[in-house]
Amino acid sequence: LELVGDFLPPIDCLDQAEFDANVAPALATCADNCHAGDNAQAQGAMDLAKLASEPAEACKQVRARIKPGNPDSSQILIVTNPLDPAVHLFKFQGSLTAYDTFKNQVTPWINAED
């Protein structure tokens, strides 16, 4: 696979079960409002409108924003980190505790996708 902007193009997830069990619920909590339709720009960047109804398609969208085996370099963790200067509307309201909870939920899946 060729990297697209240092990230993988959307492909099927290797560990769909881990995504369904841990990542999808975490994303439903923090990304559903913007990436599921309330913000057209956010949904255009990563469409999670079918997170519950078509989790495999949602997984592809998210997988394109990770670096398998390298969670700390994964876009979904960089842009939501309250301490990172990356511009993103959602930063867990500045809560490092909430961010760390999210990071702990998604990291096993990011590693499993390697």
PDB file of N, CA and C in Angstrom:
ATOM      1  N   LEU A   1       0.826  -1.191   0.000  1.00  0.00           N
ATOM      2  CA  LEU A   1       0.000   0.000   0.000  1.00  0.00           C
ATOM      3  C   LEU A   1       0.867   1.250   0.000  1.00  0.00           C
ATOM      4  N   GLU A   2       0.414   2.241  -0.718  1.00  0.00           N
ATOM      5  CA  GLU A   2       1.120   3.514  -0.724  1.00  0.00           C
ATOM      6  C   GLU A   2       0.472   4.444   0.293  1.00  0.00           C
ATOM      7  N   LEU A   3       1.301   5.150   1.006  1.00  0.00           N
ATOM      8  CA  LEU A   3       0.790   6.110   1.967  1.00  0.00           C
ATOM      9  C   LEU A   3       0.231   7.320   1.237  1.00  0.00           C
ATOM     10  N   VAL A   4      -0.824   7.874   1.787  1.00  0.00           N
ATOM     11  CA  VAL A   4      -1.435   9.089   1.270  1.00  0.00           C
ATOM     12  C   VAL A   4      -1.254  10.146   2.348  1.00  0.00           C
ATOM     13  N   GLY A   5      -0.348  11.087   2.115  1.00  0.00           N
ATOM     14  CA  GLY A   5      -0.083  12.088   3.133  1.00  0.00           C
ATOM     15  C   GLY A   5       0.406  11.478   4.425  1.00  0.00           C
ATOM     16  N   ASP A   6       1.221  10.455   4.333  1.00  0.00           N
ATOM     17  CA  ASP A   6       1.766   9.729   5.478  1.00  0.00           C
ATOM     18  C   ASP A   6       0.752   8.829   6.173  1.00  0.00           C
ATOM     19  N   PHE A   7      -0.442   8.708   5.627  1.00  0.00           N
ATOM     20  CA  PHE A   7      -1.445   7.831   6.209  1.00  0.00           C
ATOM     21  C   PHE A   7      -1.902   6.833   5.155  1.00  0.00           C
ATOM     22  N   LEU A   8      -2.460   5.720   5.610  1.00  0.00           N
ATOM     23  CA  LEU A   8      -2.929   4.685   4.703  1.00  0.00           C
ATOM     24  C   LEU A   8      -4.224   5.112   4.029  1.00  0.00           C
ATOM     25  N   PRO A   9      -4.443   4.708   2.783  1.00  0.00           N
ATOM     26  CA  PRO A   9      -5.742   4.960   2.164  1.00  0.00           C
ATOM     27  C   PRO A   9      -6.790   4.083   2.859  1.00  0.00           C
ATOM     28  N   PRO A  10      -8.067   4.446   2.747  1.00  0.00           N
ATOM     29  CA  PRO A  10      -9.095   3.636   3.401  1.00  0.00           C
ATOM     30  C   PRO A  10      -9.120   2.199   2.868  1.00  0.00           C
ATOM     31  N   ILE A  11      -8.865   1.254   3.739  1.00  0.00           N
ATOM     32  CA  ILE A  11      -8.951  -0.173   3.412  1.00  0.00           C
ATOM     33  C   ILE A  11      -9.673  -0.874   4.550  1.00  0.00           C
ATOM     34  N   ASP A  12     -10.060  -2.118   4.327  1.00  0.00           N
ATOM     35  CA  ASP A  12     -10.735  -2.878   5.370  1.00  0.00           C
ATOM     36  C   ASP A  12      -9.863  -2.968   6.613  1.00  0.00           C
ATOM     37  N   CYS A  13     -10.498  -2.935   7.752  1.00  0.00           N
ATOM     38  CA  CYS A  13      -9.781  -3.045   9.013  1.00  0.00           C
ATOM     39  C   CYS A  13      -9.396  -4.494   9.278  1.00  0.00           C
ATOM     40  N   LEU A  14      -8.251  -4.666   9.904  1.00  0.00           N
ATOM     41  CA  LEU A  14      -7.783  -6.010  10.245  1.00  0.00           C
ATOM     42  C   LEU A  14      -8.466  -6.545  11.491  1.00  0.00           C
ATOM     43  N   ASP A  15      -8.783  -5.665  12.426  1.00  0.00           N
ATOM     44  CA  ASP A  15      -9.403  -6.095  13.684  1.00  0.00           C
ATOM     45  C   ASP A  15     -10.728  -5.363  13.882  1.00  0.00           C
ATOM     46  N   GLN A  16     -11.702  -5.765  13.089  1.00  0.00           N
ATOM     47  CA  GLN A  16     -13.027  -5.145  13.160  1.00  0.00           C
ATOM     48  C   GLN A  16     -13.658  -5.349  14.529  1.00  0.00           C
ATOM     49  N   ALA A  17     -13.445  -6.504  15.144  1.00  0.00           N
ATOM     50  CA  ALA A  17     -14.042  -6.778  16.455  1.00  0.00           C
ATOM     51  C   ALA A  17     -13.551  -5.788  17.505  1.00  0.00           C
ATOM     52  N   GLU A  18     -12.250  -5.478  17.497  1.00  0.00           N
ATOM     53  CA  GLU A  18     -11.693  -4.503  18.443  1.00  0.00           C
ATOM     54  C   GLU A  18     -12.269  -3.111  18.165  1.00  0.00           C
ATOM     55  N   PHE A  19     -12.388  -2.776  16.891  1.00  0.00           N
ATOM     56  CA  PHE A  19     -12.988  -1.487  16.525  1.00  0.00           C
ATOM     57  C   PHE A  19     -14.415  -1.408  17.051  1.00  0.00           C
ATOM     58  N   ASP A  20     -15.215  -2.452  16.781  1.00  0.00           N
ATOM     59  CA  ASP A  20     -16.616  -2.457  17.195  1.00  0.00           C
ATOM     60  C   ASP A  20     -16.767  -2.375  18.711  1.00  0.00           C
ATOM     61  N   ALA A  21     -15.902  -3.094  19.428  1.00  0.00           N
ATOM     62  CA  ALA A  21     -16.031  -3.178  20.885  1.00  0.00           C
ATOM     63  C   ALA A  21     -15.554  -1.921  21.600  1.00  0.00           C
ATOM     64  N   ASN A  22     -14.501  -1.294  21.112  1.00  0.00           N
ATOM     65  CA  ASN A  22     -13.891  -0.204  21.863  1.00  0.00           C
ATOM     66  C   ASN A  22     -13.802   1.132  21.142  1.00  0.00           C
ATOM     67  N   VAL A  23     -13.464   1.101  19.864  1.00  0.00           N
ATOM     68  CA  VAL A  23     -13.262   2.360  19.141  1.00  0.00           C
ATOM     69  C   VAL A  23     -14.599   3.005  18.773  1.00  0.00           C
ATOM     70  N   ALA A  24     -15.519   2.229  18.231  1.00  0.00           N
ATOM     71  CA  ALA A  24     -16.809   2.801  17.833  1.00  0.00           C
ATOM     72  C   ALA A  24     -17.527   3.477  19.001  1.00  0.00           C
ATOM     73  N   PRO A  25     -17.602   2.838  20.181  1.00  0.00           N
ATOM     74  CA  PRO A  25     -18.250   3.534  21.302  1.00  0.00           C
ATOM     75  C   PRO A  25     -17.508   4.811  21.713  1.00  0.00           C
ATOM     76  N   ALA A  26     -16.183   4.776  21.665  1.00  0.00           N
ATOM     77  CA  ALA A  26     -15.407   5.967  22.016  1.00  0.00           C
ATOM     78  C   ALA A  26     -15.674   7.084  21.017  1.00  0.00           C
ATOM     79  N   LEU A  27     -15.743   6.755  19.740  1.00  0.00           N
ATOM     80  CA  LEU A  27     -16.017   7.762  18.717  1.00  0.00           C
ATOM     81  C   LEU A  27     -17.445   8.273  18.800  1.00  0.00           C
ATOM     82  N   ALA A  28     -18.371   7.396  19.145  1.00  0.00           N
ATOM     83  CA  ALA A  28     -19.766   7.819  19.285  1.00  0.00           C
ATOM     84  C   ALA A  28     -19.889   8.881  20.370  1.00  0.00           C
ATOM     85  N   THR A  29     -19.059   8.772  21.384  1.00  0.00           N
ATOM     86  CA  THR A  29     -19.078   9.733  22.482  1.00  0.00           C
ATOM     87  C   THR A  29     -18.479  11.070  22.086  1.00  0.00           C
ATOM     88  N   CYS A  30     -17.371  11.042  21.332  1.00  0.00           N
ATOM     89  CA  CYS A  30     -16.653  12.294  21.100  1.00  0.00           C
ATOM     90  C   CYS A  30     -16.718  12.828  19.675  1.00  0.00           C
ATOM     91  N   ALA A  31     -17.058  12.029  18.701  1.00  0.00           N
ATOM     92  CA  ALA A  31     -16.995  12.497  17.317  1.00  0.00           C
ATOM     93  C   ALA A  31     -18.342  12.496  16.610  1.00  0.00           C
ATOM     94  N   ASP A  32     -19.337  11.935  17.229  1.00  0.00           N
ATOM     95  CA  ASP A  32     -20.631  11.762  16.576  1.00  0.00           C
ATOM     96  C   ASP A  32     -21.255  13.084  16.138  1.00  0.00           C
ATOM     97  N   ASN A  33     -21.194  14.098  16.969  1.00  0.00           N
ATOM     98  CA  ASN A  33     -21.860  15.362  16.624  1.00  0.00           C
ATOM     99  C   ASN A  33     -21.316  15.954  15.332  1.00  0.00           C
ATOM    100  N   CYS A  34     -20.015  16.095  15.220  1.00  0.00           N
ATOM    101  CA  CYS A  34     -19.433  16.756  14.046  1.00  0.00           C
ATOM    102  C   CYS A  34     -19.302  15.821  12.845  1.00  0.00           C
ATOM    103  N   HIS A  35     -18.739  14.649  13.073  1.00  0.00           N
ATOM    104  CA  HIS A  35     -18.410  13.752  11.965  1.00  0.00           C
ATOM    105  C   HIS A  35     -19.580  12.885  11.504  1.00  0.00           C
ATOM    106  N   ALA A  36     -20.723  13.018  12.159  1.00  0.00           N
ATOM    107  CA  ALA A  36     -21.883  12.227  11.748  1.00  0.00           C
ATOM    108  C   ALA A  36     -22.971  13.077  11.117  1.00  0.00           C
ATOM    109  N   GLY A  37     -22.680  14.351  10.858  1.00  0.00           N
ATOM    110  CA  GLY A  37     -23.638  15.134  10.103  1.00  0.00           C
ATOM    111  C   GLY A  37     -23.884  16.551  10.545  1.00  0.00           C
ATOM    112  N   ASP A  38     -23.559  16.917  11.786  1.00  0.00           N
ATOM    113  CA  ASP A  38     -23.827  18.278  12.237  1.00  0.00           C
ATOM    114  C   ASP A  38     -22.854  19.297  11.655  1.00  0.00           C
ATOM    115  N   ASN A  39     -21.718  18.821  11.153  1.00  0.00           N
ATOM    116  CA  ASN A  39     -20.699  19.707  10.600  1.00  0.00           C
ATOM    117  C   ASN A  39     -20.267  19.128   9.253  1.00  0.00           C
ATOM    118  N   ALA A  40     -20.706  19.742   8.176  1.00  0.00           N
ATOM    119  CA  ALA A  40     -20.447  19.211   6.836  1.00  0.00           C
ATOM    120  C   ALA A  40     -18.955  19.083   6.536  1.00  0.00           C
ATOM    121  N   GLN A  41     -18.173  20.051   6.988  1.00  0.00           N
ATOM    122  CA  GLN A  41     -16.730  19.985   6.749  1.00  0.00           C
ATOM    123  C   GLN A  41     -16.106  18.802   7.491  1.00  0.00           C
ATOM    124  N   ALA A  42     -16.503  18.609   8.734  1.00  0.00           N
ATOM    125  CA  ALA A  42     -15.969  17.483   9.517  1.00  0.00           C
ATOM    126  C   ALA A  42     -16.415  16.154   8.922  1.00  0.00           C
ATOM    127  N   GLN A  43     -17.674  16.068   8.523  1.00  0.00           N
ATOM    128  CA  GLN A  43     -18.174  14.826   7.930  1.00  0.00           C
ATOM    129  C   GLN A  43     -17.488  14.549   6.607  1.00  0.00           C
ATOM    130  N   GLY A  44     -17.165  15.593   5.867  1.00  0.00           N
ATOM    131  CA  GLY A  44     -16.442  15.410   4.614  1.00  0.00           C
ATOM    132  C   GLY A  44     -15.038  14.888   4.835  1.00  0.00           C
ATOM    133  N   ALA A  45     -14.440  15.277   5.944  1.00  0.00           N
ATOM    134  CA  ALA A  45     -13.081  14.823   6.254  1.00  0.00           C
ATOM    135  C   ALA A  45     -13.066  13.383   6.741  1.00  0.00           C
ATOM    136  N   MET A  46     -14.040  13.026   7.578  1.00  0.00           N
ATOM    137  CA  MET A  46     -14.145  11.652   8.093  1.00  0.00           C
ATOM    138  C   MET A  46     -15.620  11.403   8.384  1.00  0.00           C
ATOM    139  N   ASP A  47     -16.259  10.628   7.514  1.00  0.00           N
ATOM    140  CA  ASP A  47     -17.699  10.407   7.589  1.00  0.00           C
ATOM    141  C   ASP A  47     -18.020   9.261   8.546  1.00  0.00           C
ATOM    142  N   LEU A  48     -18.603   9.616   9.695  1.00  0.00           N
ATOM    143  CA  LEU A  48     -18.999   8.602  10.676  1.00  0.00           C
ATOM    144  C   LEU A  48     -20.517   8.501  10.807  1.00  0.00           C
ATOM    145  N   ALA A  49     -21.234   8.942   9.787  1.00  0.00           N
ATOM    146  CA  ALA A  49     -22.691   8.915   9.829  1.00  0.00           C
ATOM    147  C   ALA A  49     -23.243   7.498   9.985  1.00  0.00           C
ATOM    148  N   LYS A  50     -22.500   6.512   9.521  1.00  0.00           N
ATOM    149  CA  LYS A  50     -22.982   5.126   9.596  1.00  0.00           C
ATOM    150  C   LYS A  50     -22.171   4.304  10.597  1.00  0.00           C
ATOM    151  N   LEU A  51     -21.660   4.969  11.635  1.00  0.00           N
ATOM    152  CA  LEU A  51     -20.852   4.292  12.641  1.00  0.00           C
ATOM    153  C   LEU A  51     -21.598   3.108  13.253  1.00  0.00           C
ATOM    154  N   ALA A  52     -22.883   3.281  13.551  1.00  0.00           N
ATOM    155  CA  ALA A  52     -23.662   2.209  14.162  1.00  0.00           C
ATOM    156  C   ALA A  52     -24.216   1.228  13.133  1.00  0.00           C
ATOM    157  N   SER A  53     -24.647   1.726  11.977  1.00  0.00           N
ATOM    158  CA  SER A  53     -25.309   0.853  11.008  1.00  0.00           C
ATOM    159  C   SER A  53     -24.348   0.129  10.062  1.00  0.00           C
ATOM    160  N   GLU A  54     -23.201   0.733   9.771  1.00  0.00           N
ATOM    161  CA  GLU A  54     -22.206   0.119   8.882  1.00  0.00           C
ATOM    162  C   GLU A  54     -20.809   0.306   9.482  1.00  0.00           C
ATOM    163  N   PRO A  55     -20.535  -0.394  10.593  1.00  0.00           N
ATOM    164  CA  PRO A  55     -19.267  -0.175  11.287  1.00  0.00           C
ATOM    165  C   PRO A  55     -18.024  -0.487  10.454  1.00  0.00           C
ATOM    166  N   ALA A  56     -18.111  -1.399   9.498  1.00  0.00           N
ATOM    167  CA  ALA A  56     -16.944  -1.710   8.668  1.00  0.00           C
ATOM    168  C   ALA A  56     -16.570  -0.512   7.796  1.00  0.00           C
ATOM    169  N   GLU A  57     -17.572   0.206   7.291  1.00  0.00           N
ATOM    170  CA  GLU A  57     -17.299   1.399   6.488  1.00  0.00           C
ATOM    171  C   GLU A  57     -16.727   2.510   7.359  1.00  0.00           C
ATOM    172  N   ALA A  58     -17.269   2.658   8.551  1.00  0.00           N
ATOM    173  CA  ALA A  58     -16.746   3.667   9.478  1.00  0.00           C
ATOM    174  C   ALA A  58     -15.310   3.329   9.871  1.00  0.00           C
ATOM    175  N   CYS A  59     -15.041   2.054  10.062  1.00  0.00           N
ATOM    176  CA  CYS A  59     -13.698   1.615  10.430  1.00  0.00           C
ATOM    177  C   CYS A  59     -12.695   2.010   9.349  1.00  0.00           C
ATOM    178  N   LYS A  60     -13.071   1.855   8.095  1.00  0.00           N
ATOM    179  CA  LYS A  60     -12.190   2.262   6.985  1.00  0.00           C
ATOM    180  C   LYS A  60     -11.869   3.756   7.073  1.00  0.00           C
ATOM    181  N   GLN A  61     -12.888   4.548   7.372  1.00  0.00           N
ATOM    182  CA  GLN A  61     -12.698   5.994   7.477  1.00  0.00           C
ATOM    183  C   GLN A  61     -11.695   6.335   8.579  1.00  0.00           C
ATOM    184  N   VAL A  62     -11.831   5.684   9.706  1.00  0.00           N
ATOM    185  CA  VAL A  62     -10.949   5.968  10.838  1.00  0.00           C
ATOM    186  C   VAL A  62      -9.561   5.396  10.581  1.00  0.00           C
ATOM    187  N   ARG A  63      -9.507   4.213   9.981  1.00  0.00           N
ATOM    188  CA  ARG A  63      -8.215   3.567   9.728  1.00  0.00           C
ATOM    189  C   ARG A  63      -7.320   4.438   8.841  1.00  0.00           C
ATOM    190  N   ALA A  64      -7.927   5.217   7.971  1.00  0.00           N
ATOM    191  CA  ALA A  64      -7.152   6.100   7.100  1.00  0.00           C
ATOM    192  C   ALA A  64      -6.501   7.240   7.884  1.00  0.00           C
ATOM    193  N   ARG A  65      -6.873   7.375   9.153  1.00  0.00           N
ATOM    194  CA  ARG A  65      -6.341   8.458   9.979  1.00  0.00           C
ATOM    195  C   ARG A  65      -5.492   7.957  11.142  1.00  0.00           C
ATOM    196  N   ILE A  66      -4.982   6.742  10.986  1.00  0.00           N
ATOM    197  CA  ILE A  66      -4.084   6.197  12.010  1.00  0.00           C
ATOM    198  C   ILE A  66      -2.774   5.767  11.369  1.00  0.00           C
ATOM    199  N   LYS A  67      -1.797   5.555  12.201  1.00  0.00           N
ATOM    200  CA  LYS A  67      -0.540   4.930  11.776  1.00  0.00           C
ATOM    201  C   LYS A  67      -0.480   3.599  12.512  1.00  0.00           C
ATOM    202  N   PRO A  68      -0.882   2.516  11.836  1.00  0.00           N
ATOM    203  CA  PRO A  68      -0.908   1.214  12.507  1.00  0.00           C
ATOM    204  C   PRO A  68       0.408   0.915  13.210  1.00  0.00           C
ATOM    205  N   GLY A  69       0.278   0.511  14.467  1.00  0.00           N
ATOM    206  CA  GLY A  69       1.448   0.194  15.263  1.00  0.00           C
ATOM    207  C   GLY A  69       2.132   1.407  15.861  1.00  0.00           C
ATOM    208  N   ASN A  70       1.634   2.612  15.559  1.00  0.00           N
ATOM    209  CA  ASN A  70       2.256   3.838  16.057  1.00  0.00           C
ATOM    210  C   ASN A  70       1.166   4.826  16.496  1.00  0.00           C
ATOM    211  N   PRO A  71       0.495   4.510  17.594  1.00  0.00           N
ATOM    212  CA  PRO A  71      -0.626   5.353  18.021  1.00  0.00           C
ATOM    213  C   PRO A  71      -0.284   6.827  18.185  1.00  0.00           C
ATOM    214  N   ASP A  72       0.872   7.136  18.760  1.00  0.00           N
ATOM    215  CA  ASP A  72       1.201   8.535  19.036  1.00  0.00           C
ATOM    216  C   ASP A  72       1.337   9.386  17.773  1.00  0.00           C
ATOM    217  N   SER A  73       1.548   8.757  16.634  1.00  0.00           N
ATOM    218  CA  SER A  73       1.636   9.480  15.361  1.00  0.00           C
ATOM    219  C   SER A  73       0.338   9.406  14.566  1.00  0.00           C
ATOM    220  N   SER A  74      -0.710   8.914  15.186  1.00  0.00           N
ATOM    221  CA  SER A  74      -1.998   8.760  14.511  1.00  0.00           C
ATOM    222  C   SER A  74      -2.811  10.046  14.593  1.00  0.00           C
ATOM    223  N   GLN A  75      -3.329  10.442  13.469  1.00  0.00           N
ATOM    224  CA  GLN A  75      -4.062  11.707  13.359  1.00  0.00           C
ATOM    225  C   GLN A  75      -5.209  11.801  14.355  1.00  0.00           C
ATOM    226  N   ILE A  76      -5.938  10.715  14.585  1.00  0.00           N
ATOM    227  CA  ILE A  76      -7.084  10.803  15.495  1.00  0.00           C
ATOM    228  C   ILE A  76      -6.655  11.104  16.925  1.00  0.00           C
ATOM    229  N   LEU A  77      -5.400  10.827  17.261  1.00  0.00           N
ATOM    230  CA  LEU A  77      -4.910  11.167  18.597  1.00  0.00           C
ATOM    231  C   LEU A  77      -4.213  12.520  18.624  1.00  0.00           C
ATOM    232  N   ILE A  78      -3.556  12.875  17.555  1.00  0.00           N
ATOM    233  CA  ILE A  78      -2.853  14.161  17.524  1.00  0.00           C
ATOM    234  C   ILE A  78      -3.848  15.322  17.568  1.00  0.00           C
ATOM    235  N   VAL A  79      -4.825  15.307  16.679  1.00  0.00           N
ATOM    236  CA  VAL A  79      -5.718  16.469  16.558  1.00  0.00           C
ATOM    237  C   VAL A  79      -6.659  16.644  17.740  1.00  0.00           C
ATOM    238  N   THR A  80      -6.923  15.581  18.505  1.00  0.00           N
ATOM    239  CA  THR A  80      -7.832  15.688  19.648  1.00  0.00           C
ATOM    240  C   THR A  80      -7.103  15.909  20.965  1.00  0.00           C
ATOM    241  N   ASN A  81      -5.785  15.847  20.949  1.00  0.00           N
ATOM    242  CA  ASN A  81      -4.993  16.041  22.164  1.00  0.00           C
ATOM    243  C   ASN A  81      -5.102  17.494  22.624  1.00  0.00           C
ATOM    244  N   PRO A  82      -5.595  17.725  23.839  1.00  0.00           N
ATOM    245  CA  PRO A  82      -5.738  19.103  24.316  1.00  0.00           C
ATOM    246  C   PRO A  82      -4.413  19.871  24.372  1.00  0.00           C
ATOM    247  N   LEU A  83      -3.282  19.183  24.449  1.00  0.00           N
ATOM    248  CA  LEU A  83      -1.983  19.850  24.522  1.00  0.00           C
ATOM    249  C   LEU A  83      -1.335  20.079  23.165  1.00  0.00           C
ATOM    250  N   ASP A  84      -1.919  19.506  22.099  1.00  0.00           N
ATOM    251  CA  ASP A  84      -1.339  19.646  20.769  1.00  0.00           C
ATOM    252  C   ASP A  84      -1.908  20.898  20.091  1.00  0.00           C
ATOM    253  N   PRO A  85      -1.061  21.661  19.404  1.00  0.00           N
ATOM    254  CA  PRO A  85      -1.551  22.888  18.766  1.00  0.00           C
ATOM    255  C   PRO A  85      -2.359  22.669  17.486  1.00  0.00           C
ATOM    256  N   ALA A  86      -2.514  21.420  17.045  1.00  0.00           N
ATOM    257  CA  ALA A  86      -3.284  21.160  15.821  1.00  0.00           C
ATOM    258  C   ALA A  86      -4.698  21.735  15.966  1.00  0.00           C
ATOM    259  N   VAL A  87      -5.163  22.370  14.906  1.00  0.00           N
ATOM    260  CA  VAL A  87      -6.497  22.966  14.932  1.00  0.00           C
ATOM    261  C   VAL A  87      -7.539  21.872  14.728  1.00  0.00           C
ATOM    262  N   HIS A  88      -8.422  21.732  15.691  1.00  0.00           N
ATOM    263  CA  HIS A  88      -9.512  20.762  15.627  1.00  0.00           C
ATOM    264  C   HIS A  88     -10.576  21.252  16.596  1.00  0.00           C
ATOM    265  N   LEU A  89     -11.836  21.169  16.200  1.00  0.00           N
ATOM    266  CA  LEU A  89     -12.906  21.681  17.061  1.00  0.00           C
ATOM    267  C   LEU A  89     -13.048  20.906  18.369  1.00  0.00           C
ATOM    268  N   PHE A  90     -12.742  19.624  18.328  1.00  0.00           N
ATOM    269  CA  PHE A  90     -12.955  18.803  19.529  1.00  0.00           C
ATOM    270  C   PHE A  90     -11.625  18.481  20.184  1.00  0.00           C
ATOM    271  N   LYS A  91     -11.467  18.916  21.420  1.00  0.00           N
ATOM    272  CA  LYS A  91     -10.242  18.677  22.195  1.00  0.00           C
ATOM    273  C   LYS A  91     -10.601  18.207  23.606  1.00  0.00           C
ATOM    274  N   PHE A  92     -11.699  17.449  23.749  1.00  0.00           N
ATOM    275  CA  PHE A  92     -12.129  16.929  25.041  1.00  0.00           C
ATOM    276  C   PHE A  92     -12.289  18.044  26.080  1.00  0.00           C
ATOM    277  N   GLN A  93     -12.713  19.209  25.631  1.00  0.00           N
ATOM    278  CA  GLN A  93     -12.923  20.382  26.490  1.00  0.00           C
ATOM    279  C   GLN A  93     -11.720  20.642  27.385  1.00  0.00           C
ATOM    280  N   GLY A  94     -10.528  20.341  26.850  1.00  0.00           N
ATOM    281  CA  GLY A  94      -9.299  20.578  27.595  1.00  0.00           C
ATOM    282  C   GLY A  94      -8.978  19.543  28.651  1.00  0.00           C
ATOM    283  N   SER A  95      -9.787  18.492  28.747  1.00  0.00           N
ATOM    284  CA  SER A  95      -9.589  17.479  29.785  1.00  0.00           C
ATOM    285  C   SER A  95      -8.594  16.409  29.344  1.00  0.00           C
ATOM    286  N   LEU A  96      -7.445  16.388  29.985  1.00  0.00           N
ATOM    287  CA  LEU A  96      -6.461  15.336  29.694  1.00  0.00           C
ATOM    288  C   LEU A  96      -6.952  13.980  30.169  1.00  0.00           C
ATOM    289  N   THR A  97      -7.742  13.951  31.219  1.00  0.00           N
ATOM    290  CA  THR A  97      -8.298  12.682  31.711  1.00  0.00           C
ATOM    291  C   THR A  97      -9.211  12.066  30.657  1.00  0.00           C
ATOM    292  N   ALA A  98     -10.092  12.873  30.079  1.00  0.00           N
ATOM    293  CA  ALA A  98     -10.997  12.371  29.036  1.00  0.00           C
ATOM    294  C   ALA A  98     -10.207  11.953  27.802  1.00  0.00           C
ATOM    295  N   TYR A  99      -9.203  12.744  27.429  1.00  0.00           N
ATOM    296  CA  TYR A  99      -8.357  12.396  26.286  1.00  0.00           C
ATOM    297  C   TYR A  99      -7.626  11.070  26.541  1.00  0.00           C
ATOM    298  N   ASP A 100      -7.053  10.923  27.726  1.00  0.00           N
ATOM    299  CA  ASP A 100      -6.334   9.686  28.054  1.00  0.00           C
ATOM    300  C   ASP A 100      -7.260   8.474  28.026  1.00  0.00           C
ATOM    301  N   THR A 101      -8.491   8.652  28.467  1.00  0.00           N
ATOM    302  CA  THR A 101      -9.472   7.556  28.398  1.00  0.00           C
ATOM    303  C   THR A 101      -9.702   7.161  26.941  1.00  0.00           C
ATOM    304  N   PHE A 102      -9.920   8.160  26.084  1.00  0.00           N
ATOM    305  CA  PHE A 102     -10.109   7.905  24.653  1.00  0.00           C
ATOM    306  C   PHE A 102      -8.877   7.215  24.069  1.00  0.00           C
ATOM    307  N   LYS A 103      -7.708   7.750  24.366  1.00  0.00           N
ATOM    308  CA  LYS A 103      -6.459   7.181  23.844  1.00  0.00           C
ATOM    309  C   LYS A 103      -6.303   5.725  24.272  1.00  0.00           C
ATOM    310  N   ASN A 104      -6.620   5.436  25.526  1.00  0.00           N
ATOM    311  CA  ASN A 104      -6.519   4.057  26.018  1.00  0.00           C
ATOM    312  C   ASN A 104      -7.531   3.133  25.349  1.00  0.00           C
ATOM    313  N   GLN A 105      -8.673   3.677  24.931  1.00  0.00           N
ATOM    314  CA  GLN A 105      -9.676   2.874  24.239  1.00  0.00           C
ATOM    315  C   GLN A 105      -9.263   2.546  22.810  1.00  0.00           C
ATOM    316  N   VAL A 106      -8.624   3.474  22.126  1.00  0.00           N
ATOM    317  CA  VAL A 106      -8.322   3.271  20.703  1.00  0.00           C
ATOM    318  C   VAL A 106      -6.931   2.693  20.434  1.00  0.00           C
ATOM    319  N   THR A 107      -6.009   2.849  21.370  1.00  0.00           N
ATOM    320  CA  THR A 107      -4.636   2.395  21.147  1.00  0.00           C
ATOM    321  C   THR A 107      -4.508   0.903  20.855  1.00  0.00           C
ATOM    322  N   PRO A 108      -5.196   0.007  21.579  1.00  0.00           N
ATOM    323  CA  PRO A 108      -5.060  -1.421  21.241  1.00  0.00           C
ATOM    324  C   PRO A 108      -5.475  -1.719  19.792  1.00  0.00           C
ATOM    325  N   TRP A 109      -6.507  -1.038  19.305  1.00  0.00           N
ATOM    326  CA  TRP A 109      -6.942  -1.243  17.924  1.00  0.00           C
ATOM    327  C   TRP A 109      -5.895  -0.704  16.944  1.00  0.00           C
ATOM    328  N   ILE A 110      -5.357   0.476  17.216  1.00  0.00           N
ATOM    329  CA  ILE A 110      -4.318   1.037  16.328  1.00  0.00           C
ATOM    330  C   ILE A 110      -3.154   0.081  16.233  1.00  0.00           C
ATOM    331  N   ASN A 111      -2.750  -0.486  17.352  1.00  0.00           N
ATOM    332  CA  ASN A 111      -1.654  -1.457  17.335  1.00  0.00           C
ATOM    333  C   ASN A 111      -2.032  -2.739  16.599  1.00  0.00           C
ATOM    334  N   ALA A 112      -3.274  -3.163  16.718  1.00  0.00           N
ATOM    335  CA  ALA A 112      -3.741  -4.386  16.062  1.00  0.00           C
ATOM    336  C   ALA A 112      -3.818  -4.249  14.547  1.00  0.00           C
ATOM    337  N   GLU A 113      -3.909  -3.024  14.050  1.00  0.00           N
ATOM    338  CA  GLU A 113      -4.008  -2.797  12.618  1.00  0.00           C
ATOM    339  C   GLU A 113      -2.660  -2.882  11.917  1.00  0.00           C
ATOM    340  N   ASP A 114      -1.591  -3.083  12.654  1.00  0.00           N
ATOM    341  CA  ASP A 114      -0.238  -3.166  12.080  1.00  0.00           C
ATOM    342  C   ASP A 114      -0.025  -4.521  11.432  1.00  0.00           C
TER     343      ASP A 114
END
